[in-house]
Amino acid sequence: MNNELLLEIIKIAMNTEKSETITVPASPYIIGKNYHVRTVTMAIAGKLKAVYPQELVFENANWVADSGRFNEYLKDTKNVKENEPFKNDVIIGRGAIVDCTEISEVFSGVK
C-alpha cells in the first residue's frame, strides 16, 4: 500500500476533508537493514524487505533457536548456537513483536 492511499484511508476513517493535513508517524524500521526480532513465540533475524501497517516482511530470514550469550550474538551473529534458515520470505505481525534491534549481518547457515 502506498503512502497516498494510506493517507486517503486515514482521512476517510477520521471523517476529514481532503484539504486537511494528516501526519502519519514515521516508522523506526529501515528497509534494507538487518534486524533481530523477538516475537512472543520465537526469534527471527533477517533483512527487512517491506513495512506494512500491521506486518513486517523479511528476506534471507532465519529462525534463531538459540542465540547463545545474547550480547555476544549481537556483536557477531556467527556466535549463534542454533539457527535455521527459512526458504521464503517471512511475514511477522507487528503485534507479536516483543523487541527488535538492528544487527550488522544475518548468519545464514544452519547451525
N, C-alpha and C. Protein backbone atom coordinates (compact mmCIF):
# COMPACT_ATOMS: atom_id res chain seq x y z
N MET A 1 0.86 -1.18 0.00
CA MET A 1 0.00 0.00 0.00
C MET A 1 0.90 1.23 0.00
N ASN A 2 0.63 2.14 -0.92
CA ASN A 2 1.46 3.34 -0.96
C ASN A 2 0.98 4.36 0.08
N ASN A 3 1.82 5.34 0.38
CA ASN A 3 1.51 6.32 1.43
C ASN A 3 0.31 7.19 1.10
N GLU A 4 0.13 7.56 -0.18
CA GLU A 4 -1.00 8.40 -0.56
C GLU A 4 -2.32 7.68 -0.31
N LEU A 5 -2.37 6.39 -0.67
CA LEU A 5 -3.58 5.61 -0.43
C LEU A 5 -3.83 5.47 1.06
N LEU A 6 -2.77 5.23 1.82
CA LEU A 6 -2.91 5.12 3.27
C LEU A 6 -3.44 6.42 3.87
N LEU A 7 -2.94 7.56 3.41
CA LEU A 7 -3.43 8.85 3.91
C LEU A 7 -4.91 9.04 3.58
N GLU A 8 -5.31 8.63 2.38
CA GLU A 8 -6.72 8.76 1.99
C GLU A 8 -7.60 7.89 2.89
N ILE A 9 -7.16 6.68 3.18
CA ILE A 9 -7.92 5.79 4.06
C ILE A 9 -8.03 6.40 5.45
N ILE A 10 -6.94 6.96 5.95
CA ILE A 10 -6.97 7.60 7.28
C ILE A 10 -7.92 8.79 7.27
N LYS A 11 -7.89 9.61 6.23
CA LYS A 11 -8.77 10.77 6.15
C LYS A 11 -10.23 10.35 6.16
N ILE A 12 -10.55 9.32 5.39
CA ILE A 12 -11.94 8.83 5.35
C ILE A 12 -12.34 8.31 6.71
N ALA A 13 -11.45 7.51 7.34
CA ALA A 13 -11.75 6.95 8.65
C ALA A 13 -11.93 8.02 9.71
N MET A 14 -11.20 9.13 9.57
CA MET A 14 -11.30 10.21 10.55
C MET A 14 -12.35 11.24 10.15
N ASN A 15 -13.01 10.99 9.00
CA ASN A 15 -14.06 11.87 8.51
C ASN A 15 -13.55 13.31 8.36
N THR A 16 -12.43 13.47 7.69
CA THR A 16 -11.84 14.78 7.48
C THR A 16 -11.94 15.19 6.02
N GLU A 17 -11.76 16.45 5.77
CA GLU A 17 -11.76 16.97 4.41
C GLU A 17 -10.40 16.71 3.77
N LYS A 18 -10.39 16.60 2.45
CA LYS A 18 -9.15 16.35 1.73
C LYS A 18 -8.15 17.48 1.90
N SER A 19 -8.61 18.66 2.18
CA SER A 19 -7.70 19.80 2.30
C SER A 19 -6.93 19.79 3.63
N GLU A 20 -7.40 19.02 4.60
CA GLU A 20 -6.71 18.94 5.88
C GLU A 20 -5.45 18.09 5.75
N THR A 21 -4.46 18.42 6.54
CA THR A 21 -3.22 17.67 6.53
C THR A 21 -3.21 16.70 7.69
N ILE A 22 -2.86 15.46 7.40
CA ILE A 22 -2.75 14.44 8.42
C ILE A 22 -1.31 13.94 8.41
N THR A 23 -0.68 13.87 9.56
CA THR A 23 0.68 13.39 9.65
C THR A 23 0.66 11.94 10.12
N VAL A 24 1.27 11.08 9.33
CA VAL A 24 1.40 9.68 9.71
C VAL A 24 2.76 9.51 10.36
N PRO A 25 2.80 8.91 11.55
CA PRO A 25 4.08 8.76 12.23
C PRO A 25 5.08 7.97 11.37
N ALA A 26 6.32 8.38 11.40
CA ALA A 26 7.36 7.67 10.67
C ALA A 26 7.65 6.35 11.35
N SER A 27 8.03 5.38 10.58
CA SER A 27 8.37 4.07 11.12
C SER A 27 9.83 4.07 11.58
N PRO A 28 10.13 3.38 12.67
CA PRO A 28 11.53 3.29 13.09
C PRO A 28 12.30 2.26 12.26
N TYR A 29 11.59 1.48 11.45
CA TYR A 29 12.22 0.44 10.65
C TYR A 29 12.75 1.00 9.34
N ILE A 30 13.92 0.51 8.91
CA ILE A 30 14.54 0.97 7.67
C ILE A 30 14.68 -0.22 6.73
N ILE A 31 14.02 -0.13 5.59
CA ILE A 31 14.08 -1.21 4.60
C ILE A 31 15.52 -1.37 4.14
N GLY A 32 15.95 -2.63 4.04
CA GLY A 32 17.31 -2.95 3.63
C GLY A 32 18.26 -3.22 4.79
N LYS A 33 17.84 -2.85 6.00
CA LYS A 33 18.67 -3.11 7.19
C LYS A 33 18.39 -4.52 7.71
N ASN A 34 19.36 -5.08 8.43
CA ASN A 34 19.21 -6.39 9.06
C ASN A 34 18.73 -6.20 10.49
N TYR A 35 17.77 -7.04 10.89
CA TYR A 35 17.22 -6.94 12.24
C TYR A 35 17.14 -8.32 12.90
N HIS A 36 17.30 -8.30 14.22
CA HIS A 36 16.96 -9.45 15.06
C HIS A 36 15.65 -9.07 15.74
N VAL A 37 14.63 -9.88 15.54
CA VAL A 37 13.29 -9.59 16.05
C VAL A 37 12.87 -10.70 17.01
N ARG A 38 12.56 -10.34 18.24
CA ARG A 38 12.00 -11.31 19.17
C ARG A 38 10.49 -11.14 19.17
N THR A 39 9.80 -12.24 18.94
CA THR A 39 8.34 -12.21 18.98
C THR A 39 7.88 -12.96 20.23
N VAL A 40 6.58 -13.03 20.41
CA VAL A 40 6.05 -13.71 21.59
C VAL A 40 6.35 -15.21 21.57
N THR A 41 6.69 -15.77 20.42
CA THR A 41 6.95 -17.21 20.35
C THR A 41 8.36 -17.59 19.89
N MET A 42 9.05 -16.73 19.16
CA MET A 42 10.36 -17.10 18.63
C MET A 42 11.16 -15.87 18.26
N ALA A 43 12.39 -16.09 17.81
CA ALA A 43 13.23 -15.00 17.34
C ALA A 43 13.56 -15.23 15.86
N ILE A 44 13.54 -14.14 15.12
CA ILE A 44 13.82 -14.16 13.69
C ILE A 44 14.91 -13.13 13.42
N ALA A 45 15.84 -13.46 12.53
CA ALA A 45 16.83 -12.49 12.05
C ALA A 45 16.71 -12.46 10.54
N GLY A 46 16.71 -11.26 9.98
CA GLY A 46 16.60 -11.16 8.53
C GLY A 46 16.78 -9.74 8.04
N LYS A 47 16.76 -9.61 6.72
CA LYS A 47 16.88 -8.30 6.07
C LYS A 47 15.48 -7.79 5.79
N LEU A 48 15.18 -6.59 6.28
CA LEU A 48 13.84 -6.02 6.13
C LEU A 48 13.56 -5.69 4.66
N LYS A 49 12.49 -6.25 4.15
CA LYS A 49 12.12 -6.08 2.75
C LYS A 49 10.97 -5.10 2.57
N ALA A 50 10.01 -5.12 3.50
CA ALA A 50 8.84 -4.25 3.38
C ALA A 50 8.22 -4.00 4.75
N VAL A 51 7.59 -2.82 4.89
CA VAL A 51 6.91 -2.44 6.12
C VAL A 51 5.47 -2.11 5.77
N TYR A 52 4.54 -2.76 6.44
CA TYR A 52 3.12 -2.51 6.27
C TYR A 52 2.54 -2.07 7.62
N PRO A 53 1.33 -1.53 7.64
CA PRO A 53 0.77 -1.07 8.91
C PRO A 53 0.72 -2.16 9.99
N GLN A 54 0.50 -3.42 9.59
CA GLN A 54 0.38 -4.49 10.59
C GLN A 54 1.43 -5.58 10.47
N GLU A 55 2.27 -5.52 9.43
CA GLU A 55 3.26 -6.57 9.22
C GLU A 55 4.61 -6.01 8.79
N LEU A 56 5.65 -6.81 9.06
CA LEU A 56 6.99 -6.58 8.53
C LEU A 56 7.34 -7.80 7.69
N VAL A 57 8.00 -7.59 6.56
CA VAL A 57 8.40 -8.69 5.69
C VAL A 57 9.92 -8.73 5.65
N PHE A 58 10.48 -9.93 5.90
CA PHE A 58 11.92 -10.12 5.91
C PHE A 58 12.32 -11.13 4.85
N GLU A 59 13.45 -10.84 4.18
CA GLU A 59 14.04 -11.80 3.25
C GLU A 59 15.32 -12.33 3.87
N ASN A 60 15.80 -13.46 3.33
CA ASN A 60 17.01 -14.10 3.86
C ASN A 60 16.91 -14.25 5.38
N ALA A 61 15.75 -14.66 5.83
CA ALA A 61 15.48 -14.72 7.26
C ALA A 61 15.83 -16.08 7.86
N ASN A 62 16.08 -16.05 9.16
CA ASN A 62 16.42 -17.25 9.91
C ASN A 62 15.65 -17.31 11.21
N TRP A 63 15.30 -18.51 11.62
CA TRP A 63 14.77 -18.74 12.95
C TRP A 63 15.98 -18.92 13.85
N VAL A 64 16.10 -18.07 14.85
CA VAL A 64 17.22 -18.15 15.79
C VAL A 64 16.71 -18.92 17.01
N ALA A 65 17.01 -20.20 17.04
CA ALA A 65 16.52 -21.05 18.13
C ALA A 65 17.30 -20.84 19.41
N ASP A 66 18.60 -20.58 19.28
CA ASP A 66 19.45 -20.35 20.45
C ASP A 66 20.55 -19.38 20.05
N SER A 67 20.46 -18.17 20.56
CA SER A 67 21.46 -17.16 20.21
C SER A 67 22.74 -17.32 21.01
N GLY A 68 22.72 -18.14 22.06
CA GLY A 68 23.87 -18.18 22.97
C GLY A 68 23.84 -16.91 23.81
N ARG A 69 24.99 -16.46 24.26
CA ARG A 69 25.06 -15.20 25.01
C ARG A 69 24.59 -14.09 24.08
N PHE A 70 23.48 -13.46 24.46
CA PHE A 70 22.83 -12.51 23.56
C PHE A 70 23.74 -11.35 23.17
N ASN A 71 24.48 -10.79 24.12
CA ASN A 71 25.36 -9.66 23.80
C ASN A 71 26.47 -10.09 22.84
N GLU A 72 26.95 -11.33 22.94
CA GLU A 72 27.98 -11.83 22.02
C GLU A 72 27.39 -12.04 20.63
N TYR A 73 26.17 -12.57 20.59
CA TYR A 73 25.48 -12.77 19.31
C TYR A 73 25.25 -11.43 18.60
N LEU A 74 24.85 -10.40 19.34
CA LEU A 74 24.61 -9.09 18.74
C LEU A 74 25.89 -8.47 18.19
N LYS A 75 27.03 -8.76 18.82
CA LYS A 75 28.32 -8.25 18.32
C LYS A 75 28.70 -8.95 17.02
N ASP A 76 28.44 -10.26 16.96
CA ASP A 76 28.79 -11.05 15.78
C ASP A 76 27.82 -12.22 15.69
N THR A 77 26.92 -12.18 14.71
CA THR A 77 25.88 -13.21 14.61
C THR A 77 26.44 -14.59 14.31
N LYS A 78 27.71 -14.70 13.95
CA LYS A 78 28.32 -16.02 13.76
C LYS A 78 28.42 -16.77 15.08
N ASN A 79 28.24 -16.06 16.20
CA ASN A 79 28.26 -16.69 17.52
C ASN A 79 26.97 -17.43 17.84
N VAL A 80 26.00 -17.42 16.93
CA VAL A 80 24.71 -18.08 17.17
C VAL A 80 24.94 -19.56 17.48
N LYS A 81 24.17 -20.11 18.40
CA LYS A 81 24.30 -21.52 18.78
C LYS A 81 23.43 -22.43 17.91
N GLU A 82 22.20 -21.99 17.62
CA GLU A 82 21.29 -22.79 16.79
C GLU A 82 20.50 -21.87 15.89
N ASN A 83 20.55 -22.16 14.58
CA ASN A 83 20.00 -21.27 13.56
C ASN A 83 19.45 -22.11 12.41
N GLU A 84 18.27 -21.76 11.93
CA GLU A 84 17.66 -22.47 10.80
C GLU A 84 17.14 -21.45 9.79
N PRO A 85 17.63 -21.48 8.54
CA PRO A 85 17.15 -20.51 7.55
C PRO A 85 15.76 -20.86 7.02
N PHE A 86 14.97 -19.83 6.71
CA PHE A 86 13.69 -20.01 6.04
C PHE A 86 13.95 -20.12 4.54
N LYS A 87 13.09 -20.83 3.84
CA LYS A 87 13.23 -20.96 2.39
C LYS A 87 12.70 -19.71 1.69
N ASN A 88 11.60 -19.14 2.20
CA ASN A 88 10.93 -17.99 1.58
C ASN A 88 10.95 -16.79 2.52
N ASP A 89 10.41 -15.69 2.04
CA ASP A 89 10.27 -14.50 2.89
C ASP A 89 9.44 -14.83 4.13
N VAL A 90 9.67 -14.07 5.18
CA VAL A 90 8.93 -14.25 6.44
C VAL A 90 8.13 -12.99 6.72
N ILE A 91 6.85 -13.18 7.05
CA ILE A 91 5.96 -12.07 7.39
C ILE A 91 5.70 -12.15 8.89
N ILE A 92 5.99 -11.07 9.59
CA ILE A 92 5.78 -11.02 11.04
C ILE A 92 4.72 -9.99 11.35
N GLY A 93 3.70 -10.40 12.10
CA GLY A 93 2.68 -9.46 12.56
C GLY A 93 3.30 -8.53 13.59
N ARG A 94 3.13 -7.24 13.39
CA ARG A 94 3.78 -6.27 14.29
C ARG A 94 3.27 -6.38 15.72
N GLY A 95 2.06 -6.86 15.90
CA GLY A 95 1.53 -7.04 17.25
C GLY A 95 2.22 -8.15 18.02
N ALA A 96 2.93 -9.04 17.35
CA ALA A 96 3.63 -10.14 18.00
C ALA A 96 5.05 -9.78 18.41
N ILE A 97 5.52 -8.60 18.02
CA ILE A 97 6.91 -8.22 18.29
C ILE A 97 7.08 -7.78 19.74
N VAL A 98 8.06 -8.38 20.39
CA VAL A 98 8.42 -8.01 21.75
C VAL A 98 9.48 -6.91 21.71
N ASP A 99 10.55 -7.15 20.95
CA ASP A 99 11.57 -6.13 20.73
C ASP A 99 12.31 -6.44 19.43
N CYS A 100 13.02 -5.44 18.96
CA CYS A 100 13.69 -5.55 17.66
C CYS A 100 14.94 -4.69 17.72
N THR A 101 16.04 -5.20 17.17
CA THR A 101 17.27 -4.42 17.14
C THR A 101 18.01 -4.67 15.84
N GLU A 102 18.69 -3.64 15.36
CA GLU A 102 19.46 -3.77 14.14
C GLU A 102 20.71 -4.60 14.42
N ILE A 103 21.05 -5.46 13.46
CA ILE A 103 22.29 -6.25 13.54
C ILE A 103 23.09 -5.99 12.27
N SER A 104 24.40 -6.20 12.35
CA SER A 104 25.25 -5.88 11.20
C SER A 104 25.06 -6.84 10.05
N GLU A 105 24.87 -8.11 10.34
CA GLU A 105 24.65 -9.11 9.30
C GLU A 105 23.78 -10.24 9.85
N VAL A 106 23.22 -11.00 8.93
CA VAL A 106 22.41 -12.16 9.32
C VAL A 106 23.21 -13.42 9.04
N PHE A 107 23.42 -14.23 10.07
CA PHE A 107 24.08 -15.52 9.86
C PHE A 107 23.14 -16.38 9.06
N SER A 108 23.60 -16.89 7.93
CA SER A 108 22.68 -17.57 7.01
C SER A 108 22.84 -19.08 6.96
N GLY A 109 23.74 -19.65 7.70
CA GLY A 109 23.92 -21.09 7.65
C GLY A 109 23.08 -21.82 8.68
N VAL A 110 23.08 -23.14 8.56
CA VAL A 110 22.41 -23.99 9.54
C VAL A 110 23.41 -24.29 10.63
N LYS A 111 22.98 -24.11 11.85
CA LYS A 111 23.88 -24.37 12.98
C LYS A 111 23.10 -25.00 14.10
